[in-house]
Amino acid sequence: MEVQIKDRVAEVELLEKNENSVRLSLDGKPYEVDMVMTDNGVCSILYNGRSYNMEVVREKNGKTYKVNRRFESYEVEIIDAQARYLRARKKDDVRQENDLTAPMPGKVVQLMVEVGTELKGGDTVVVFEAMKMQSSLKVTADCVVREIFVQEGDSVASGQLLVRLDVVETNKEENDEK
């Protein structure tokens, strides 16, 4: 999962947990820490013989936390696959681009189109799986499939080009005048 702290986004992966001993990876670098979370939201972390204490307050949405440490306070947001996908969709809702890209690393489960397929806004192009969750990648405007760069079963990287589209441009002003 990704975690955003201020302007920094880090990839965090839990490798192993055994009682208070936690092994995790932060941007691919492994760390071993001793961590205790108390009922009142205080988190105590021991790392390399140093102790770090902080108060962690969960916000209403459950994916944002306010962390207070010494004289500092900052927001921490957990960016899971669903949040990343929704952000990508929200961006796409503004204007349909010609290139449909993977919103995160994952797997192409099903291609719903072939070259030449005419699509209407809301049609599904690709069924995509990431972190054991399937999502339908849809277009937000009328378009035609120009090229397909993946096959069903392909593993893809974040931002990898999946399908190139030709967006059908409609002149809204002409339609409004009629």
Protein backbone atom coordinates (compact mmCIF):
# COMPACT_ATOMS: atom_id res chain seq x y z
CA MET A 1 0.00 0.00 0.00
CA GLU A 2 1.06 3.60 -0.39
CA VAL A 3 1.20 6.06 2.49
CA GLN A 4 1.30 9.83 2.01
CA ILE A 5 2.94 12.02 4.65
CA LYS A 6 2.93 15.69 3.67
CA ASP A 7 4.28 15.73 0.06
CA ARG A 8 6.01 12.33 0.28
CA VAL A 9 4.38 9.12 -0.92
CA ALA A 10 6.00 5.89 0.26
CA GLU A 11 5.31 2.26 -0.65
CA VAL A 12 4.85 0.28 2.59
CA GLU A 13 4.57 -3.51 2.77
CA LEU A 14 4.11 -5.62 5.89
CA LEU A 15 6.52 -8.54 5.56
CA GLU A 16 6.00 -10.28 8.90
CA LYS A 17 4.41 -9.66 12.29
CA ASN A 18 5.10 -11.71 15.40
CA GLU A 19 3.54 -10.14 18.52
CA ASN A 20 5.29 -6.74 18.84
CA SER A 21 8.06 -7.53 16.37
CA VAL A 22 7.26 -6.16 12.92
CA ARG A 23 9.21 -6.54 9.67
CA LEU A 24 8.19 -4.13 6.95
CA SER A 25 9.48 -2.73 3.71
CA LEU A 26 9.54 1.02 3.09
CA ASP A 27 10.17 1.86 -0.58
CA GLY A 28 11.80 -1.56 -0.94
CA LYS A 29 14.14 -1.18 2.05
CA PRO A 30 13.46 -3.67 4.89
CA TYR A 31 13.09 -2.52 8.52
CA GLU A 32 12.64 -4.46 11.75
CA VAL A 33 10.92 -2.59 14.58
CA ASP A 34 9.32 -3.36 17.90
CA MET A 35 5.93 -1.64 17.95
CA VAL A 36 3.21 -1.35 20.59
CA MET A 37 -0.11 0.43 20.06
CA THR A 38 -2.00 1.23 23.25
CA ASP A 39 -5.77 1.56 23.64
CA ASN A 40 -5.54 5.35 23.97
CA GLY A 41 -3.89 5.78 20.54
CA VAL A 42 -0.27 6.09 21.65
CA CYS A 43 2.18 4.23 19.45
CA SER A 44 5.63 3.31 20.79
CA ILE A 45 8.27 2.19 18.27
CA LEU A 46 11.74 0.86 19.08
CA TYR A 47 14.17 0.98 16.17
CA ASN A 48 17.95 0.54 16.36
CA GLY A 49 17.91 1.11 20.12
CA ARG A 50 15.96 4.40 19.89
CA SER A 51 12.44 4.95 21.13
CA TYR A 52 9.84 6.94 19.18
CA ASN A 53 6.47 7.75 20.76
CA MET A 54 3.54 9.36 19.00
CA GLU A 55 -0.18 9.81 19.31
CA VAL A 56 -2.15 8.46 16.36
CA VAL A 57 -5.70 9.76 15.91
CA ARG A 58 -7.87 8.07 13.29
CA GLU A 59 -9.99 10.46 11.23
CA LYS A 60 -13.61 9.81 10.23
CA ASN A 61 -12.89 8.17 6.85
CA GLY A 62 -10.62 5.54 8.43
CA LYS A 63 -7.80 6.07 5.93
CA THR A 64 -6.48 9.36 7.25
CA TYR A 65 -4.68 9.77 10.55
CA LYS A 66 -3.40 12.75 12.50
CA VAL A 67 -0.02 11.96 14.04
CA ASN A 68 1.29 14.04 16.94
CA ARG A 69 4.96 13.63 17.86
CA ARG A 70 6.72 16.00 20.22
CA PHE A 71 5.94 19.46 18.86
CA GLU A 72 4.94 18.28 15.39
CA SER A 73 1.58 17.31 14.00
CA TYR A 74 0.91 16.02 10.50
CA GLU A 75 -1.64 14.15 8.40
CA VAL A 76 -0.95 10.63 7.16
CA GLU A 77 -3.15 9.17 4.43
CA ILE A 78 -3.27 5.52 3.45
CA ILE A 79 -3.62 5.29 -0.31
CA ASP A 80 -4.95 1.79 -0.97
CA ALA A 81 -5.80 0.27 -4.32
CA GLN A 82 -9.37 1.53 -4.14
CA ALA A 83 -8.33 5.13 -3.33
CA ARG A 84 -5.74 5.11 -6.12
CA TYR A 85 -8.30 3.74 -8.57
CA LEU A 86 -10.91 6.32 -7.55
CA ARG A 87 -8.36 9.13 -7.95
CA ALA A 88 -7.54 7.87 -11.44
CA ARG A 89 -11.25 7.61 -12.28
CA LYS A 90 -11.94 11.09 -10.93
CA LYS A 91 -9.17 12.45 -13.13
CA ASP A 92 -10.65 10.58 -16.13
CA ASP A 93 -14.14 11.90 -15.40
CA VAL A 94 -12.99 15.42 -16.28
CA ARG A 95 -11.93 14.58 -19.84
CA GLN A 96 -11.45 11.27 -21.62
CA GLU A 97 -7.85 10.91 -22.79
CA ASN A 98 -6.75 8.93 -25.85
CA ASP A 99 -4.56 6.63 -23.74
CA LEU A 100 -6.08 4.28 -21.15
CA THR A 101 -3.36 3.38 -18.65
CA ALA A 102 -3.13 1.09 -15.63
CA PRO A 103 -4.02 3.03 -12.46
CA MET A 104 -1.64 0.82 -10.40
CA PRO A 105 0.41 -2.35 -10.79
CA GLY A 106 -1.88 -5.28 -11.42
CA LYS A 107 -3.18 -7.86 -13.86
CA VAL A 108 -5.43 -7.64 -16.92
CA VAL A 109 -8.27 -10.06 -16.14
CA GLN A 110 -10.46 -9.46 -19.18
CA LEU A 111 -10.38 -7.31 -22.31
CA MET A 112 -13.91 -6.26 -23.20
CA VAL A 113 -12.97 -4.70 -26.57
CA GLU A 114 -11.06 -5.29 -29.79
CA VAL A 115 -9.55 -2.87 -32.29
CA GLY A 116 -12.37 -0.91 -33.95
CA THR A 117 -14.88 -1.33 -31.11
CA GLU A 118 -17.08 1.76 -30.77
CA LEU A 119 -17.63 2.73 -27.12
CA LYS A 120 -20.11 5.01 -25.39
CA GLY A 121 -19.30 6.91 -22.19
CA GLY A 122 -19.54 4.45 -19.28
CA ASP A 123 -18.60 1.35 -21.31
CA THR A 124 -16.07 -1.03 -19.76
CA VAL A 125 -12.79 -1.50 -21.63
CA VAL A 126 -10.73 -3.67 -19.27
CA VAL A 127 -11.40 -5.67 -16.11
CA PHE A 128 -8.32 -5.07 -13.97
CA GLU A 129 -7.15 -6.74 -10.76
CA ALA A 130 -4.88 -5.22 -8.13
CA MET A 131 -4.39 -6.30 -4.52
CA LYS A 132 -7.04 -9.04 -4.91
CA MET A 133 -9.66 -6.48 -5.96
CA GLN A 134 -11.17 -6.36 -9.45
CA SER A 135 -12.14 -3.06 -11.04
CA SER A 136 -13.69 -2.15 -14.37
CA LEU A 137 -11.78 0.49 -16.30
CA LYS A 138 -14.38 2.49 -18.20
CA VAL A 139 -14.39 5.36 -20.67
CA THR A 140 -16.11 8.61 -19.84
CA ALA A 141 -16.85 9.70 -23.41
CA ASP A 142 -17.68 8.19 -26.79
CA CYS A 143 -14.60 6.75 -28.49
CA VAL A 144 -13.22 4.05 -30.80
CA VAL A 145 -10.51 1.53 -29.87
CA ARG A 146 -7.45 2.25 -32.04
CA GLU A 147 -4.79 -0.08 -30.53
CA ILE A 148 -4.57 -2.66 -27.74
CA PHE A 149 -1.20 -3.11 -26.02
CA VAL A 150 -1.98 -5.94 -23.56
CA GLN A 151 -3.55 -9.38 -23.47
CA GLU A 152 -5.68 -11.07 -20.85
CA GLY A 153 -3.47 -12.40 -18.06
CA ASP A 154 -0.72 -9.78 -18.57
CA SER A 155 0.86 -8.22 -15.48
CA VAL A 156 1.22 -4.47 -15.89
CA ALA A 157 3.01 -1.62 -14.14
CA SER A 158 1.40 1.53 -12.83
CA GLY A 159 0.86 3.96 -15.70
CA GLN A 160 1.48 1.32 -18.38
CA LEU A 161 -0.43 1.93 -21.61
CA LEU A 162 -3.26 -0.61 -22.00
CA VAL A 163 -5.42 0.71 -24.84
CA ARG A 164 -5.18 3.68 -27.21
CA LEU A 165 -8.50 5.29 -28.09
CA ASP A 166 -9.76 7.84 -30.59
CA VAL A 167 -12.12 10.08 -28.66
CA VAL A 168 -15.15 11.10 -30.70
CA GLU A 169 -15.24 14.88 -30.51
CA THR A 170 -18.73 16.39 -30.44
CA ASN A 171 -19.27 20.06 -30.86
CA LYS A 172 -21.38 20.87 -27.80
CA GLU A 173 -22.12 24.42 -28.97
CA GLU A 174 -23.62 23.16 -32.27
CA ASN A 175 -25.79 20.65 -30.40
CA ASP A 176 -26.95 23.34 -27.94
CA GLU A 177 -28.01 25.67 -30.77
CA LYS A 178 -30.24 23.02 -32.41
